[in-house]
Amino acid sequence: MAGLRRFPGASYVATRRRRGETQRALILIMLVSGCAGPPALDRAIIRGHTAEYEEAMRADSTNPGRAYLLWRARRDGISADEAAKRDAAIDAARNPFDARRDRQAVSRGAVIYAAHCARCHGVNADGRGPDVLPEFPCKDFHSLGQRLAVTLHGGAPRAWFQRISDGSGAVVNYPDGPSTAMPAFGSTLSREQIWLAVTYLQSLDCCVKPQTE
């Protein structure tokens, strides 16, 4: 009847209750297990991945994204044009990798992070890299807020992808030319490279198994 307030059904209430209980359980697991954000690079990177990436970068020293796609083309047995076409088709709004289940992706993402991000964001992803600008501080991915966000819903992967791709902040006169405080990597890294770096940032140290001999 018109004018009567409708109350949520029992199934809706039960679903919300279960969702709340799941979130509380995840938070408790995070706190008890000591999850502190992305794992240290030496723990995250699988043996051989750094050398593999460095070899790939030699294909084009002026553009790491192009070099990476040339490496992908050789690895997959396809043409460079096909590799570029596949990369362009990757959705910019949805990470194709799973930071909880894809150990290889976390490792490759850590390698990319170390090569292109650590100088500002720090080797520990704490925003304390040697080149960070004091007036434009970087995000600390070990802060409680970031850990909770990543634990509960994977953080903000779409926003992170866009920021890495498009850059952000005021224009700064760097030694190699003017750029936004957070430089745009969309023209120098492939979409897959950006998503792999995001995957590393979505990972949690308590979920990444260390290497074994």
C-alpha atoms as a PDB file:
ATOM      1  CA  MET A   1       0.000   0.000   0.000  1.00  0.00           C
ATOM      2  CA  ALA A   2       1.106   3.529  -0.733  1.00  0.00           C
ATOM      3  CA  GLY A   3       2.714   5.327   2.181  1.00  0.00           C
ATOM      4  CA  LEU A   4       3.793   2.157   3.991  1.00  0.00           C
ATOM      5  CA  ARG A   5       7.499   1.732   4.617  1.00  0.00           C
ATOM      6  CA  ARG A   6       8.967  -1.430   3.148  1.00  0.00           C
ATOM      7  CA  PHE A   7      11.397  -3.326   5.340  1.00  0.00           C
ATOM      8  CA  PRO A   8      14.195  -5.515   3.928  1.00  0.00           C
ATOM      9  CA  GLY A   9      13.418  -9.212   3.710  1.00  0.00           C
ATOM     10  CA  ALA A  10      15.030 -11.878   5.842  1.00  0.00           C
ATOM     11  CA  SER A  11      17.326 -13.043   3.037  1.00  0.00           C
ATOM     12  CA  TYR A  12      18.655  -9.522   2.512  1.00  0.00           C
ATOM     13  CA  VAL A  13      19.342  -9.103   6.232  1.00  0.00           C
ATOM     14  CA  ALA A  14      21.037 -12.511   6.381  1.00  0.00           C
ATOM     15  CA  THR A  15      23.246 -11.646   3.391  1.00  0.00           C
ATOM     16  CA  ARG A  16      24.316  -8.361   4.954  1.00  0.00           C
ATOM     17  CA  ARG A  17      25.034 -10.135   8.232  1.00  0.00           C
ATOM     18  CA  ARG A  18      27.182 -12.770   6.516  1.00  0.00           C
ATOM     19  CA  ARG A  19      29.059 -10.074   4.600  1.00  0.00           C
ATOM     20  CA  GLY A  20      29.793  -8.215   7.819  1.00  0.00           C
ATOM     21  CA  GLU A  21      30.948 -11.399   9.530  1.00  0.00           C
ATOM     22  CA  THR A  22      33.255 -12.193   6.588  1.00  0.00           C
ATOM     23  CA  GLN A  23      34.801  -8.733   6.671  1.00  0.00           C
ATOM     24  CA  ARG A  24      35.364  -8.956  10.416  1.00  0.00           C
ATOM     25  CA  ALA A  25      36.964 -12.379   9.977  1.00  0.00           C
ATOM     26  CA  LEU A  26      39.309 -11.037   7.288  1.00  0.00           C
ATOM     27  CA  ILE A  27      40.336  -8.145   9.494  1.00  0.00           C
ATOM     28  CA  LEU A  28      40.981 -10.538  12.389  1.00  0.00           C
ATOM     29  CA  ILE A  29      43.048 -12.825  10.153  1.00  0.00           C
ATOM     30  CA  MET A  30      45.055  -9.840   8.937  1.00  0.00           C
ATOM     31  CA  LEU A  31      45.778  -8.654  12.455  1.00  0.00           C
ATOM     32  CA  VAL A  32      46.531 -12.089  13.913  1.00  0.00           C
ATOM     33  CA  SER A  33      48.687 -13.278  11.010  1.00  0.00           C
ATOM     34  CA  GLY A  34      50.665 -10.064  10.887  1.00  0.00           C
ATOM     35  CA  CYS A  35      49.874  -9.083   7.289  1.00  0.00           C
ATOM     36  CA  ALA A  36      51.725  -5.830   6.759  1.00  0.00           C
ATOM     37  CA  GLY A  37      51.085  -5.058   3.111  1.00  0.00           C
ATOM     38  CA  PRO A  38      53.088  -6.029   0.015  1.00  0.00           C
ATOM     39  CA  PRO A  39      55.918  -8.477   0.759  1.00  0.00           C
ATOM     40  CA  ALA A  40      59.536  -7.370   0.650  1.00  0.00           C
ATOM     41  CA  LEU A  41      60.906  -7.502  -2.889  1.00  0.00           C
ATOM     42  CA  ASP A  42      63.409 -10.243  -2.073  1.00  0.00           C
ATOM     43  CA  ARG A  43      60.540 -12.379  -0.782  1.00  0.00           C
ATOM     44  CA  ALA A  44      58.142 -11.544  -3.614  1.00  0.00           C
ATOM     45  CA  ILE A  45      60.489 -12.032  -6.571  1.00  0.00           C
ATOM     46  CA  ILE A  46      60.969 -15.578  -7.795  1.00  0.00           C
ATOM     47  CA  ARG A  47      64.525 -16.515  -8.685  1.00  0.00           C
ATOM     48  CA  GLY A  48      65.275 -15.761 -12.333  1.00  0.00           C
ATOM     49  CA  HIS A  49      62.502 -13.237 -12.931  1.00  0.00           C
ATOM     50  CA  THR A  50      64.737 -10.175 -12.484  1.00  0.00           C
ATOM     51  CA  ALA A  51      67.326 -11.464 -14.972  1.00  0.00           C
ATOM     52  CA  GLU A  52      64.535 -12.371 -17.394  1.00  0.00           C
ATOM     53  CA  TYR A  53      63.092  -8.848 -17.207  1.00  0.00           C
ATOM     54  CA  GLU A  54      66.481  -7.202 -17.607  1.00  0.00           C
ATOM     55  CA  GLU A  55      67.087  -9.316 -20.707  1.00  0.00           C
ATOM     56  CA  ALA A  56      63.678  -8.307 -22.083  1.00  0.00           C
ATOM     57  CA  MET A  57      64.457  -4.602 -21.561  1.00  0.00           C
ATOM     58  CA  ARG A  58      67.529  -4.852 -23.794  1.00  0.00           C
ATOM     59  CA  ALA A  59      65.250  -5.201 -26.820  1.00  0.00           C
ATOM     60  CA  ASP A  60      64.468  -1.469 -26.683  1.00  0.00           C
ATOM     61  CA  SER A  61      66.369   0.661 -24.203  1.00  0.00           C
ATOM     62  CA  THR A  62      64.242   3.741 -25.007  1.00  0.00           C
ATOM     63  CA  ASN A  63      60.818   2.275 -24.258  1.00  0.00           C
ATOM     64  CA  PRO A  64      60.331  -0.467 -21.632  1.00  0.00           C
ATOM     65  CA  GLY A  65      56.756  -1.083 -22.757  1.00  0.00           C
ATOM     66  CA  ARG A  66      57.807  -1.805 -26.327  1.00  0.00           C
ATOM     67  CA  ALA A  67      60.677  -3.960 -25.084  1.00  0.00           C
ATOM     68  CA  TYR A  68      58.284  -5.946 -22.905  1.00  0.00           C
ATOM     69  CA  LEU A  69      55.891  -6.577 -25.794  1.00  0.00           C
ATOM     70  CA  LEU A  70      58.765  -7.726 -28.003  1.00  0.00           C
ATOM     71  CA  TRP A  71      59.682 -10.188 -25.254  1.00  0.00           C
ATOM     72  CA  ARG A  72      56.064 -11.352 -25.034  1.00  0.00           C
ATOM     73  CA  ALA A  73      55.983 -11.824 -28.793  1.00  0.00           C
ATOM     74  CA  ARG A  74      59.091 -14.020 -28.688  1.00  0.00           C
ATOM     75  CA  ARG A  75      57.832 -15.985 -25.690  1.00  0.00           C
ATOM     76  CA  ASP A  76      54.386 -16.613 -27.161  1.00  0.00           C
ATOM     77  CA  GLY A  77      55.542 -17.172 -30.739  1.00  0.00           C
ATOM     78  CA  ILE A  78      53.496 -14.314 -32.183  1.00  0.00           C
ATOM     79  CA  SER A  79      54.291 -11.139 -34.084  1.00  0.00           C
ATOM     80  CA  ALA A  80      55.117  -7.878 -32.328  1.00  0.00           C
ATOM     81  CA  ASP A  81      51.968  -6.354 -33.824  1.00  0.00           C
ATOM     82  CA  GLU A  82      49.836  -9.165 -32.404  1.00  0.00           C
ATOM     83  CA  ALA A  83      51.431  -8.748 -28.979  1.00  0.00           C
ATOM     84  CA  ALA A  84      50.657  -5.019 -29.069  1.00  0.00           C
ATOM     85  CA  LYS A  85      47.097  -5.727 -30.202  1.00  0.00           C
ATOM     86  CA  ARG A  86      46.505  -8.163 -27.346  1.00  0.00           C
ATOM     87  CA  ASP A  87      47.931  -5.720 -24.839  1.00  0.00           C
ATOM     88  CA  ALA A  88      45.710  -2.883 -26.101  1.00  0.00           C
ATOM     89  CA  ALA A  89      42.689  -5.167 -25.599  1.00  0.00           C
ATOM     90  CA  ILE A  90      43.412  -5.596 -21.869  1.00  0.00           C
ATOM     91  CA  ASP A  91      40.661  -3.933 -19.834  1.00  0.00           C
ATOM     92  CA  ALA A  92      41.874  -0.819 -18.026  1.00  0.00           C
ATOM     93  CA  ALA A  93      39.154  -1.248 -15.393  1.00  0.00           C
ATOM     94  CA  ARG A  94      39.732  -4.876 -14.334  1.00  0.00           C
ATOM     95  CA  ASN A  95      42.948  -6.552 -13.266  1.00  0.00           C
ATOM     96  CA  PRO A  96      43.428  -9.773 -15.278  1.00  0.00           C
ATOM     97  CA  PHE A  97      45.695 -11.164 -12.541  1.00  0.00           C
ATOM     98  CA  ASP A  98      44.802 -12.472  -9.082  1.00  0.00           C
ATOM     99  CA  ALA A  99      47.187 -11.314  -6.354  1.00  0.00           C
ATOM    100  CA  ARG A 100      45.949 -14.043  -3.980  1.00  0.00           C
ATOM    101  CA  ARG A 101      46.382 -16.996  -6.333  1.00  0.00           C
ATOM    102  CA  ASP A 102      48.863 -16.065  -9.073  1.00  0.00           C
ATOM    103  CA  ARG A 103      52.299 -16.274  -7.463  1.00  0.00           C
ATOM    104  CA  GLN A 104      54.038 -15.771 -10.810  1.00  0.00           C
ATOM    105  CA  ALA A 105      52.155 -12.526 -11.439  1.00  0.00           C
ATOM    106  CA  VAL A 106      53.031 -11.176  -7.984  1.00  0.00           C
ATOM    107  CA  SER A 107      56.701 -11.924  -8.646  1.00  0.00           C
ATOM    108  CA  ARG A 108      56.736 -10.347 -12.109  1.00  0.00           C
ATOM    109  CA  GLY A 109      54.871  -7.355 -10.738  1.00  0.00           C
ATOM    110  CA  ALA A 110      57.468  -6.962  -7.999  1.00  0.00           C
ATOM    111  CA  VAL A 111      60.213  -6.960 -10.632  1.00  0.00           C
ATOM    112  CA  ILE A 112      58.419  -4.225 -12.584  1.00  0.00           C
ATOM    113  CA  TYR A 113      57.804  -2.261  -9.380  1.00  0.00           C
ATOM    114  CA  ALA A 114      61.500  -2.500  -8.476  1.00  0.00           C
ATOM    115  CA  ALA A 115      62.567  -1.321 -11.931  1.00  0.00           C
ATOM    116  CA  HIS A 116      60.143   1.564 -12.432  1.00  0.00           C
ATOM    117  CA  CYS A 117      58.480   2.527  -9.132  1.00  0.00           C
ATOM    118  CA  ALA A 118      60.799   1.936  -6.180  1.00  0.00           C
ATOM    119  CA  ARG A 119      62.901   5.051  -6.686  1.00  0.00           C
ATOM    120  CA  CYS A 120      59.973   7.142  -5.449  1.00  0.00           C
ATOM    121  CA  HIS A 121      57.660   4.667  -3.726  1.00  0.00           C
ATOM    122  CA  GLY A 122      60.493   2.888  -1.904  1.00  0.00           C
ATOM    123  CA  VAL A 123      61.816  -0.659  -1.992  1.00  0.00           C
ATOM    124  CA  ASN A 124      59.344  -1.463   0.796  1.00  0.00           C
ATOM    125  CA  ALA A 125      56.367   0.284  -0.895  1.00  0.00           C
ATOM    126  CA  ASP A 126      56.289   2.683   2.040  1.00  0.00           C
ATOM    127  CA  GLY A 127      56.569   5.910   0.027  1.00  0.00           C
ATOM    128  CA  ARG A 128      60.145   6.572   1.163  1.00  0.00           C
ATOM    129  CA  GLY A 129      62.108   6.200  -2.061  1.00  0.00           C
ATOM    130  CA  PRO A 130      65.248   8.304  -2.583  1.00  0.00           C
ATOM    131  CA  ASP A 131      63.650  10.394  -5.358  1.00  0.00           C
ATOM    132  CA  VAL A 132      60.313  11.141  -3.675  1.00  0.00           C
ATOM    133  CA  LEU A 133      59.430  14.837  -3.499  1.00  0.00           C
ATOM    134  CA  PRO A 134      58.676  15.968   0.081  1.00  0.00           C
ATOM    135  CA  GLU A 135      55.897  18.249  -1.138  1.00  0.00           C
ATOM    136  CA  PHE A 136      54.286  15.351  -3.031  1.00  0.00           C
ATOM    137  CA  PRO A 137      54.499  12.348  -0.670  1.00  0.00           C
ATOM    138  CA  CYS A 138      53.848   8.863  -2.015  1.00  0.00           C
ATOM    139  CA  LYS A 139      51.302   6.421  -0.640  1.00  0.00           C
ATOM    140  CA  ASP A 140      52.407   4.065   2.111  1.00  0.00           C
ATOM    141  CA  PHE A 141      50.988   0.667   1.183  1.00  0.00           C
ATOM    142  CA  HIS A 142      51.804  -0.646   4.670  1.00  0.00           C
ATOM    143  CA  SER A 143      49.540   1.826   6.447  1.00  0.00           C
ATOM    144  CA  LEU A 144      46.602   0.341   8.339  1.00  0.00           C
ATOM    145  CA  GLY A 145      44.074   1.907   5.966  1.00  0.00           C
ATOM    146  CA  GLN A 146      45.770   0.438   2.892  1.00  0.00           C
ATOM    147  CA  ARG A 147      46.143  -2.983   4.518  1.00  0.00           C
ATOM    148  CA  LEU A 148      42.451  -3.057   5.424  1.00  0.00           C
ATOM    149  CA  ALA A 149      41.405  -1.940   1.938  1.00  0.00           C
ATOM    150  CA  VAL A 150      43.579  -4.548   0.230  1.00  0.00           C
ATOM    151  CA  THR A 151      42.501  -7.305   2.618  1.00  0.00           C
ATOM    152  CA  LEU A 152      38.787  -6.586   2.246  1.00  0.00           C
ATOM    153  CA  HIS A 153      38.426  -5.755  -1.446  1.00  0.00           C
ATOM    154  CA  GLY A 154      41.812  -5.684  -3.138  1.00  0.00           C
ATOM    155  CA  GLY A 155      42.436  -1.985  -2.607  1.00  0.00           C
ATOM    156  CA  ALA A 156      41.696   0.439  -5.451  1.00  0.00           C
ATOM    157  CA  PRO A 157      43.148  -1.337  -8.513  1.00  0.00           C
ATOM    158  CA  ARG A 158      41.270   0.700 -11.135  1.00  0.00           C
ATOM    159  CA  ALA A 159      42.336   3.985  -9.533  1.00  0.00           C
ATOM    160  CA  TRP A 160      45.920   2.735  -9.202  1.00  0.00           C
ATOM    161  CA  PHE A 161      45.996   1.668 -12.867  1.00  0.00           C
ATOM    162  CA  GLN A 162      44.692   5.048 -13.989  1.00  0.00           C
ATOM    163  CA  ARG A 163      47.143   6.953 -11.810  1.00  0.00           C
ATOM    164  CA  ILE A 164      50.108   4.935 -13.067  1.00  0.00           C
ATOM    165  CA  SER A 165      48.927   5.274 -16.656  1.00  0.00           C
ATOM    166  CA  ASP A 166      47.910   8.952 -16.651  1.00  0.00           C
ATOM    167  CA  GLY A 167      50.025  10.368 -13.826  1.00  0.00           C
ATOM    168  CA  SER A 168      48.748  12.770 -11.173  1.00  0.00           C
ATOM    169  CA  GLY A 169      49.620  15.859  -9.217  1.00  0.00           C
ATOM    170  CA  ALA A 170      51.020  19.246 -10.130  1.00  0.00           C
ATOM    171  CA  VAL A 171      53.540  19.714 -12.941  1.00  0.00           C
ATOM    172  CA  VAL A 172      57.109  19.496 -11.652  1.00  0.00           C
ATOM    173  CA  ASN A 173      60.363  20.395 -13.427  1.00  0.00           C
ATOM    174  CA  TYR A 174      62.333  17.168 -13.150  1.00  0.00           C
ATOM    175  CA  PRO A 175      65.963  17.007 -14.398  1.00  0.00           C
ATOM    176  CA  ASP A 176      64.785  15.165 -17.524  1.00  0.00           C
ATOM    177  CA  GLY A 177      61.930  17.604 -18.212  1.00  0.00           C
ATOM    178  CA  PRO A 178      58.552  18.727 -16.827  1.00  0.00           C
ATOM    179  CA  SER A 179      56.065  16.101 -15.710  1.00  0.00           C
ATOM    180  CA  THR A 180      53.262  15.617 -13.252  1.00  0.00           C
ATOM    181  CA  ALA A 181      54.565  14.819  -9.756  1.00  0.00           C
ATOM    182  CA  MET A 182      53.506  11.214 -10.338  1.00  0.00           C
ATOM    183  CA  PRO A 183      54.747  10.705 -13.922  1.00  0.00           C
ATOM    184  CA  ALA A 184      52.454   9.117 -16.493  1.00  0.00           C
ATOM    185  CA  PHE A 185      53.650   5.659 -17.536  1.00  0.00           C
ATOM    186  CA  GLY A 186      50.917   4.948 -20.079  1.00  0.00           C
ATOM    187  CA  SER A 187      53.223   5.649 -23.006  1.00  0.00           C
ATOM    188  CA  THR A 188      56.268   3.889 -21.583  1.00  0.00           C
ATOM    189  CA  LEU A 189      54.785   0.740 -20.004  1.00  0.00           C
ATOM    190  CA  SER A 190      52.385  -1.759 -21.502  1.00  0.00           C
ATOM    191  CA  ARG A 191      48.997  -2.338 -19.940  1.00  0.00           C
ATOM    192  CA  GLU A 192      50.139  -5.757 -18.783  1.00  0.00           C
ATOM    193  CA  GLN A 193      53.179  -4.264 -17.044  1.00  0.00           C
ATOM    194  CA  ILE A 194      50.995  -1.742 -15.226  1.00  0.00           C
ATOM    195  CA  TRP A 195      48.536  -4.414 -14.091  1.00  0.00           C
ATOM    196  CA  LEU A 196      51.395  -6.624 -12.908  1.00  0.00           C
ATOM    197  CA  ALA A 197      52.765  -3.761 -10.795  1.00  0.00           C
ATOM    198  CA  VAL A 198      49.271  -3.243  -9.368  1.00  0.00           C
ATOM    199  CA  THR A 199      49.075  -6.979  -8.635  1.00  0.00           C
ATOM    200  CA  TYR A 200      52.219  -6.745  -6.530  1.00  0.00           C
ATOM    201  CA  LEU A 201      50.691  -3.831  -4.594  1.00  0.00           C
ATOM    202  CA  GLN A 202      47.514  -5.884  -4.053  1.00  0.00           C
ATOM    203  CA  SER A 203      49.456  -8.779  -2.571  1.00  0.00           C
ATOM    204  CA  LEU A 204      49.901  -9.332   1.174  1.00  0.00           C
ATOM    205  CA  ASP A 205      53.084 -10.650   2.739  1.00  0.00           C
ATOM    206  CA  CYS A 206      51.208 -13.232   4.794  1.00  0.00           C
ATOM    207  CA  CYS A 207      49.743 -14.742   1.603  1.00  0.00           C
ATOM    208  CA  VAL A 208      52.963 -14.894  -0.460  1.00  0.00           C
ATOM    209  CA  LYS A 209      54.883 -18.095   0.115  1.00  0.00           C
ATOM    210  CA  PRO A 210      58.678 -17.676   0.294  1.00  0.00           C
ATOM    211  CA  GLN A 211      60.858 -19.446  -2.227  1.00  0.00           C
ATOM    212  CA  THR A 212      62.223 -22.851  -1.415  1.00  0.00           C
ATOM    213  CA  GLU A 213      65.511 -24.250  -2.545  1.00  0.00           C
END
